[in-house]
C-alpha atoms as a PDB file:
ATOM      1  CA  MET A   1     -22.578  35.968  -6.955  1.00  0.00           C
ATOM      2  CA  PHE A   2     -22.588  33.240  -9.626  1.00  0.00           C
ATOM      3  CA  ALA A   3     -19.164  34.391 -10.885  1.00  0.00           C
ATOM      4  CA  ASP A   4     -17.748  34.068  -7.355  1.00  0.00           C
ATOM      5  CA  PHE A   5     -19.222  30.573  -7.050  1.00  0.00           C
ATOM      6  CA  CYS A   6     -17.672  29.526 -10.384  1.00  0.00           C
ATOM      7  CA  LYS A   7     -14.326  30.974  -9.342  1.00  0.00           C
ATOM      8  CA  GLN A   8     -14.365  29.039  -6.079  1.00  0.00           C
ATOM      9  CA  LEU A   9     -15.544  25.867  -7.811  1.00  0.00           C
ATOM     10  CA  SER A  10     -12.743  26.043 -10.361  1.00  0.00           C
ATOM     11  CA  ALA A  11     -10.160  26.672  -7.644  1.00  0.00           C
ATOM     12  CA  TRP A  12     -11.221  23.580  -5.688  1.00  0.00           C
ATOM     13  CA  ALA A  13     -12.190  21.176  -8.508  1.00  0.00           C
ATOM     14  CA  ILE A  14      -8.797  19.558  -9.104  1.00  0.00           C
ATOM     15  CA  PRO A  15      -7.715  19.276  -5.447  1.00  0.00           C
ATOM     16  CA  VAL A  16     -11.071  17.671  -4.586  1.00  0.00           C
ATOM     17  CA  LEU A  17     -10.753  15.211  -7.481  1.00  0.00           C
ATOM     18  CA  LEU A  18      -7.209  14.370  -6.412  1.00  0.00           C
ATOM     19  CA  LEU A  19      -8.592  13.520  -2.991  1.00  0.00           C
ATOM     20  CA  ILE A  20     -11.766  11.686  -4.094  1.00  0.00           C
ATOM     21  CA  ILE A  21     -10.269   9.369  -6.724  1.00  0.00           C
ATOM     22  CA  PRO A  22      -7.643   7.700  -4.482  1.00  0.00           C
ATOM     23  CA  SER A  23     -10.158   7.582  -1.624  1.00  0.00           C
ATOM     24  CA  VAL A  24     -12.729   5.711  -3.728  1.00  0.00           C
ATOM     25  CA  GLY A  25      -9.987   3.365  -4.909  1.00  0.00           C
ATOM     26  CA  PHE A  26      -8.887   2.721  -1.339  1.00  0.00           C
ATOM     27  CA  LEU A  27     -12.462   2.034  -0.218  1.00  0.00           C
ATOM     28  CA  ASN A  28     -12.862  -0.434  -3.114  1.00  0.00           C
ATOM     29  CA  LYS A  29      -9.585  -2.119  -2.106  1.00  0.00           C
ATOM     30  CA  VAL A  30      -7.823  -1.109  -5.328  1.00  0.00           C
ATOM     31  CA  ASN A  31      -4.079  -0.565  -5.285  1.00  0.00           C
ATOM     32  CA  VAL A  32      -4.272   2.956  -6.719  1.00  0.00           C
ATOM     33  CA  TYR A  33      -0.523   3.440  -7.113  1.00  0.00           C
ATOM     34  CA  GLU A  34      -0.124   0.124  -8.967  1.00  0.00           C
ATOM     35  CA  LYS A  35      -3.010   0.973 -11.301  1.00  0.00           C
ATOM     36  CA  PHE A  36      -1.518   4.414 -11.905  1.00  0.00           C
ATOM     37  CA  VAL A  37       1.859   2.926 -12.832  1.00  0.00           C
ATOM     38  CA  GLU A  38       0.173   0.389 -15.180  1.00  0.00           C
ATOM     39  CA  GLY A  39      -1.774   3.187 -16.868  1.00  0.00           C
ATOM     40  CA  ALA A  40       1.348   5.317 -17.228  1.00  0.00           C
ATOM     41  CA  ALA A  41       3.200   2.391 -18.833  1.00  0.00           C
ATOM     42  CA  GLU A  42       0.327   1.835 -21.287  1.00  0.00           C
ATOM     43  CA  GLY A  43       0.300   5.556 -22.070  1.00  0.00           C
ATOM     44  CA  PHE A  44       4.021   5.490 -22.767  1.00  0.00           C
ATOM     45  CA  GLN A  45       3.623   2.509 -25.127  1.00  0.00           C
ATOM     46  CA  THR A  46       0.788   4.303 -26.920  1.00  0.00           C
ATOM     47  CA  ALA A  47       2.953   7.404 -27.313  1.00  0.00           C
ATOM     48  CA  ILE A  48       5.714   5.297 -28.882  1.00  0.00           C
ATOM     49  CA  ARG A  49       3.191   3.613 -31.216  1.00  0.00           C
ATOM     50  CA  ILE A  50       1.706   6.896 -32.479  1.00  0.00           C
ATOM     51  CA  LEU A  51       5.035   8.728 -32.901  1.00  0.00           C
ATOM     52  CA  PRO A  52       5.572   7.714 -36.580  1.00  0.00           C
ATOM     53  CA  PHE A  53       2.044   8.834 -37.462  1.00  0.00           C
ATOM     54  CA  LEU A  54       2.577  12.119 -35.654  1.00  0.00           C
ATOM     55  CA  VAL A  55       5.846  12.794 -37.483  1.00  0.00           C
ATOM     56  CA  ALA A  56       4.244  11.968 -40.856  1.00  0.00           C
ATOM     57  CA  MET A  57       1.359  14.352 -40.172  1.00  0.00           C
ATOM     58  CA  MET A  58       3.677  17.185 -39.134  1.00  0.00           C
ATOM     59  CA  VAL A  59       5.806  16.710 -42.252  1.00  0.00           C
ATOM     60  CA  ALA A  60       2.693  16.760 -44.466  1.00  0.00           C
ATOM     61  CA  VAL A  61       1.425  19.991 -42.869  1.00  0.00           C
ATOM     62  CA  ASN A  62       4.808  21.684 -43.282  1.00  0.00           C
ATOM     63  CA  ILE A  63       5.039  20.592 -46.926  1.00  0.00           C
ATOM     64  CA  PHE A  64       1.518  21.948 -47.550  1.00  0.00           C
ATOM     65  CA  ARG A  65       2.461  25.321 -46.098  1.00  0.00           C
ATOM     66  CA  ALA A  66       6.009  25.559 -47.505  1.00  0.00           C
ATOM     67  CA  SER A  67       5.007  24.533 -51.052  1.00  0.00           C
ATOM     68  CA  GLY A  68       2.693  27.510 -51.394  1.00  0.00           C
ATOM     69  CA  ALA A  69      -0.361  25.289 -51.880  1.00  0.00           C
ATOM     70  CA  MET A  70      -2.041  26.864 -48.867  1.00  0.00           C
ATOM     71  CA  ASP A  71      -1.477  30.364 -50.286  1.00  0.00           C
ATOM     72  CA  VAL A  72      -3.040  29.339 -53.621  1.00  0.00           C
ATOM     73  CA  PHE A  73      -6.014  27.809 -51.832  1.00  0.00           C
ATOM     74  CA  ILE A  74      -6.479  30.944 -49.708  1.00  0.00           C
ATOM     75  CA  ALA A  75      -6.292  33.213 -52.759  1.00  0.00           C
ATOM     76  CA  ALA A  76      -9.008  31.174 -54.485  1.00  0.00           C
ATOM     77  CA  LEU A  77     -11.345  31.314 -51.477  1.00  0.00           C
ATOM     78  CA  LYS A  78     -10.732  34.906 -50.395  1.00  0.00           C
ATOM     79  CA  PRO A  79     -13.184  36.757 -52.709  1.00  0.00           C
ATOM     80  CA  VAL A  80     -16.066  34.399 -51.968  1.00  0.00           C
ATOM     81  CA  LEU A  81     -15.583  34.433 -48.214  1.00  0.00           C
ATOM     82  CA  GLN A  82     -15.100  38.195 -48.047  1.00  0.00           C
ATOM     83  CA  SER A  83     -18.399  38.701 -49.868  1.00  0.00           C
ATOM     84  CA  VAL A  84     -20.261  36.885 -47.084  1.00  0.00           C
ATOM     85  CA  GLY A  85     -18.515  38.744 -44.267  1.00  0.00           C
ATOM     86  CA  VAL A  86     -15.685  36.404 -43.324  1.00  0.00           C
ATOM     87  CA  PRO A  87     -12.589  38.375 -42.283  1.00  0.00           C
ATOM     88  CA  PRO A  88      -9.730  37.476 -44.661  1.00  0.00           C
ATOM     89  CA  ASP A  89      -7.289  36.699 -41.837  1.00  0.00           C
ATOM     90  CA  LEU A  90      -9.486  33.809 -40.718  1.00  0.00           C
ATOM     91  CA  ILE A  91      -9.083  31.914 -43.989  1.00  0.00           C
ATOM     92  CA  PRO A  92      -5.628  30.482 -43.164  1.00  0.00           C
ATOM     93  CA  LEU A  93      -6.893  29.544 -39.693  1.00  0.00           C
ATOM     94  CA  ALA A  94      -9.910  27.719 -41.122  1.00  0.00           C
ATOM     95  CA  ILE A  95      -7.665  25.808 -43.517  1.00  0.00           C
ATOM     96  CA  ILE A  96      -4.903  24.881 -41.082  1.00  0.00           C
ATOM     97  CA  ARG A  97      -7.179  23.984 -38.143  1.00  0.00           C
ATOM     98  CA  PRO A  98      -8.167  20.517 -39.479  1.00  0.00           C
ATOM     99  CA  LEU A  99      -4.485  19.805 -40.133  1.00  0.00           C
ATOM    100  CA  SER A 100      -2.596  21.046 -37.102  1.00  0.00           C
ATOM    101  CA  GLY A 101      -3.636  22.250 -33.669  1.00  0.00           C
ATOM    102  CA  THR A 102      -0.239  23.805 -33.035  1.00  0.00           C
ATOM    103  CA  GLY A 103      -0.258  25.610 -36.386  1.00  0.00           C
ATOM    104  CA  ALA A 104      -3.792  26.838 -35.736  1.00  0.00           C
ATOM    105  CA  LEU A 105      -2.829  28.046 -32.260  1.00  0.00           C
ATOM    106  CA  GLY A 106       0.081  29.987 -33.767  1.00  0.00           C
ATOM    107  CA  LEU A 107      -2.219  31.618 -36.332  1.00  0.00           C
ATOM    108  CA  THR A 108      -4.777  32.434 -33.627  1.00  0.00           C
ATOM    109  CA  THR A 109      -2.051  34.046 -31.529  1.00  0.00           C
ATOM    110  CA  GLU A 110      -1.008  36.175 -34.522  1.00  0.00           C
ATOM    111  CA  ILE A 111      -4.634  37.225 -35.108  1.00  0.00           C
ATOM    112  CA  LEU A 112      -5.127  38.110 -31.436  1.00  0.00           C
ATOM    113  CA  ASN A 113      -1.873  40.091 -31.343  1.00  0.00           C
ATOM    114  CA  ARG A 114      -2.780  41.956 -34.544  1.00  0.00           C
ATOM    115  CA  TYR A 115      -6.467  42.707 -33.888  1.00  0.00           C
ATOM    116  CA  GLY A 116      -6.927  42.164 -30.164  1.00  0.00           C
ATOM    117  CA  ALA A 117      -8.988  39.613 -28.284  1.00  0.00           C
ATOM    118  CA  ASP A 118     -12.072  41.863 -28.217  1.00  0.00           C
ATOM    119  CA  SER A 119     -12.135  42.530 -31.967  1.00  0.00           C
ATOM    120  CA  LEU A 120     -14.639  40.717 -34.155  1.00  0.00           C
ATOM    121  CA  THR A 121     -11.812  38.888 -35.931  1.00  0.00           C
ATOM    122  CA  GLY A 122     -10.247  37.883 -32.604  1.00  0.00           C
ATOM    123  CA  ARG A 123     -13.547  36.670 -31.222  1.00  0.00           C
ATOM    124  CA  ILE A 124     -14.323  34.644 -34.334  1.00  0.00           C
ATOM    125  CA  ALA A 125     -10.820  33.137 -34.279  1.00  0.00           C
ATOM    126  CA  SER A 126     -11.222  32.152 -30.622  1.00  0.00           C
ATOM    127  CA  THR A 127     -14.676  30.692 -31.227  1.00  0.00           C
ATOM    128  CA  LEU A 128     -13.381  28.854 -34.281  1.00  0.00           C
ATOM    129  CA  MET A 129     -10.622  27.252 -32.201  1.00  0.00           C
ATOM    130  CA  GLY A 130     -13.192  26.002 -29.707  1.00  0.00           C
ATOM    131  CA  SER A 131     -15.769  24.768 -32.210  1.00  0.00           C
ATOM    132  CA  THR A 132     -13.568  22.875 -34.678  1.00  0.00           C
ATOM    133  CA  ASP A 133     -11.040  20.104 -34.345  1.00  0.00           C
ATOM    134  CA  THR A 134      -7.822  18.784 -35.853  1.00  0.00           C
ATOM    135  CA  THR A 135      -9.614  16.263 -38.046  1.00  0.00           C
ATOM    136  CA  PHE A 136      -6.664  14.964 -40.075  1.00  0.00           C
ATOM    137  CA  TYR A 137      -4.418  14.854 -37.029  1.00  0.00           C
ATOM    138  CA  ILE A 138      -6.983  12.779 -35.129  1.00  0.00           C
ATOM    139  CA  LEU A 139      -7.558  10.421 -38.030  1.00  0.00           C
ATOM    140  CA  THR A 140      -3.863   9.990 -38.753  1.00  0.00           C
ATOM    141  CA  VAL A 141      -2.609   9.548 -35.215  1.00  0.00           C
ATOM    142  CA  TYR A 142      -5.427   7.737 -33.468  1.00  0.00           C
ATOM    143  CA  PHE A 143      -6.637   5.602 -36.350  1.00  0.00           C
ATOM    144  CA  GLY A 144      -3.017   4.700 -37.080  1.00  0.00           C
ATOM    145  CA  ALA A 145      -2.402   3.813 -33.445  1.00  0.00           C
ATOM    146  CA  VAL A 146      -5.239   1.297 -33.355  1.00  0.00           C
ATOM    147  CA  GLY A 147      -4.611  -0.046 -36.853  1.00  0.00           C
ATOM    148  CA  ILE A 148      -7.640   1.310 -38.718  1.00  0.00           C
ATOM    149  CA  ARG A 149      -6.679   1.385 -42.403  1.00  0.00           C
ATOM    150  CA  ASN A 150     -10.021   2.368 -43.959  1.00  0.00           C
ATOM    151  CA  PRO A 151     -11.518   5.425 -42.258  1.00  0.00           C
ATOM    152  CA  ARG A 152     -14.686   5.193 -44.422  1.00  0.00           C
ATOM    153  CA  TYR A 153     -16.790   8.279 -43.804  1.00  0.00           C
ATOM    154  CA  SER A 154     -14.704   9.643 -40.940  1.00  0.00           C
ATOM    155  CA  VAL A 155     -12.865  12.200 -43.082  1.00  0.00           C
ATOM    156  CA  LEU A 156     -16.063  13.512 -44.656  1.00  0.00           C
ATOM    157  CA  VAL A 157     -17.936  13.692 -41.354  1.00  0.00           C
ATOM    158  CA  GLY A 158     -14.984  15.361 -39.606  1.00  0.00           C
ATOM    159  CA  LEU A 159     -14.587  17.976 -42.331  1.00  0.00           C
ATOM    160  CA  ILE A 160     -18.326  18.664 -42.395  1.00  0.00           C
ATOM    161  CA  GLY A 161     -18.156  19.170 -38.636  1.00  0.00           C
ATOM    162  CA  ASP A 162     -15.255  21.590 -39.093  1.00  0.00           C
ATOM    163  CA  LEU A 163     -17.152  23.488 -41.806  1.00  0.00           C
ATOM    164  CA  VAL A 164     -20.243  23.743 -39.596  1.00  0.00           C
ATOM    165  CA  GLY A 165     -18.033  24.953 -36.736  1.00  0.00           C
ATOM    166  CA  PHE A 166     -16.454  27.597 -38.976  1.00  0.00           C
ATOM    167  CA  VAL A 167     -19.750  28.865 -40.403  1.00  0.00           C
ATOM    168  CA  SER A 168     -21.366  28.842 -36.958  1.00  0.00           C
ATOM    169  CA  SER A 169     -18.439  30.740 -35.426  1.00  0.00           C
ATOM    170  CA  VAL A 170     -18.677  33.483 -38.028  1.00  0.00           C
ATOM    171  CA  TYR A 171     -22.482  33.669 -37.866  1.00  0.00           C
ATOM    172  CA  ILE A 172     -22.791  33.638 -34.069  1.00  0.00           C
ATOM    173  CA  CYS A 173     -19.973  36.118 -33.474  1.00  0.00           C
ATOM    174  CA  ARG A 174     -21.338  38.498 -36.114  1.00  0.00           C
ATOM    175  CA  ARG A 175     -24.819  38.270 -34.550  1.00  0.00           C
ATOM    176  CA  LEU A 176     -23.581  38.702 -30.973  1.00  0.00           C
ATOM    177  CA  PHE A 177     -20.912  41.325 -31.424  1.00  0.00           C
ATOM    178  CA  LEU A 178     -22.056  43.473 -34.360  1.00  0.00           C
ATOM    179  CA  ASN A 179     -25.528  44.288 -33.009  1.00  0.00           C
END
């Protein structure tokens, strides 16, 4: 019953929003099309402004992976993480996730293809993708776009959040799916 309701709700959510938003604008005497075009132009300008930061971040991630530094880092962490029950194939995902969403999605796809979506490793990888973020990407692109030069505690807080997301993903999935 509830599943059917959620399925119907999800099927109608976007069409209803696409009807409600212009209607509310019309009732408030807002030129919806003009506002849309202005917003699209601002979005385009923002995309142009963040492009150099995006390219720099992608280059840095590729250098990190191609230099072998990621492999060294993984080798150093592997024994410790395995001793506490972290599947070894999740280590590269946990490292690359704060750096690159696309790279992390590629690693998650490899994990799901290798182990399956219903395996413990696949479930942890999926949960990890949903509970962590691309910290360095966000800081580089968005802080660069608005001109923030000193991120202060943002890096530390973001990485702590990613660590908590990683540990929580492993713990919760092990508790839910191994019992």
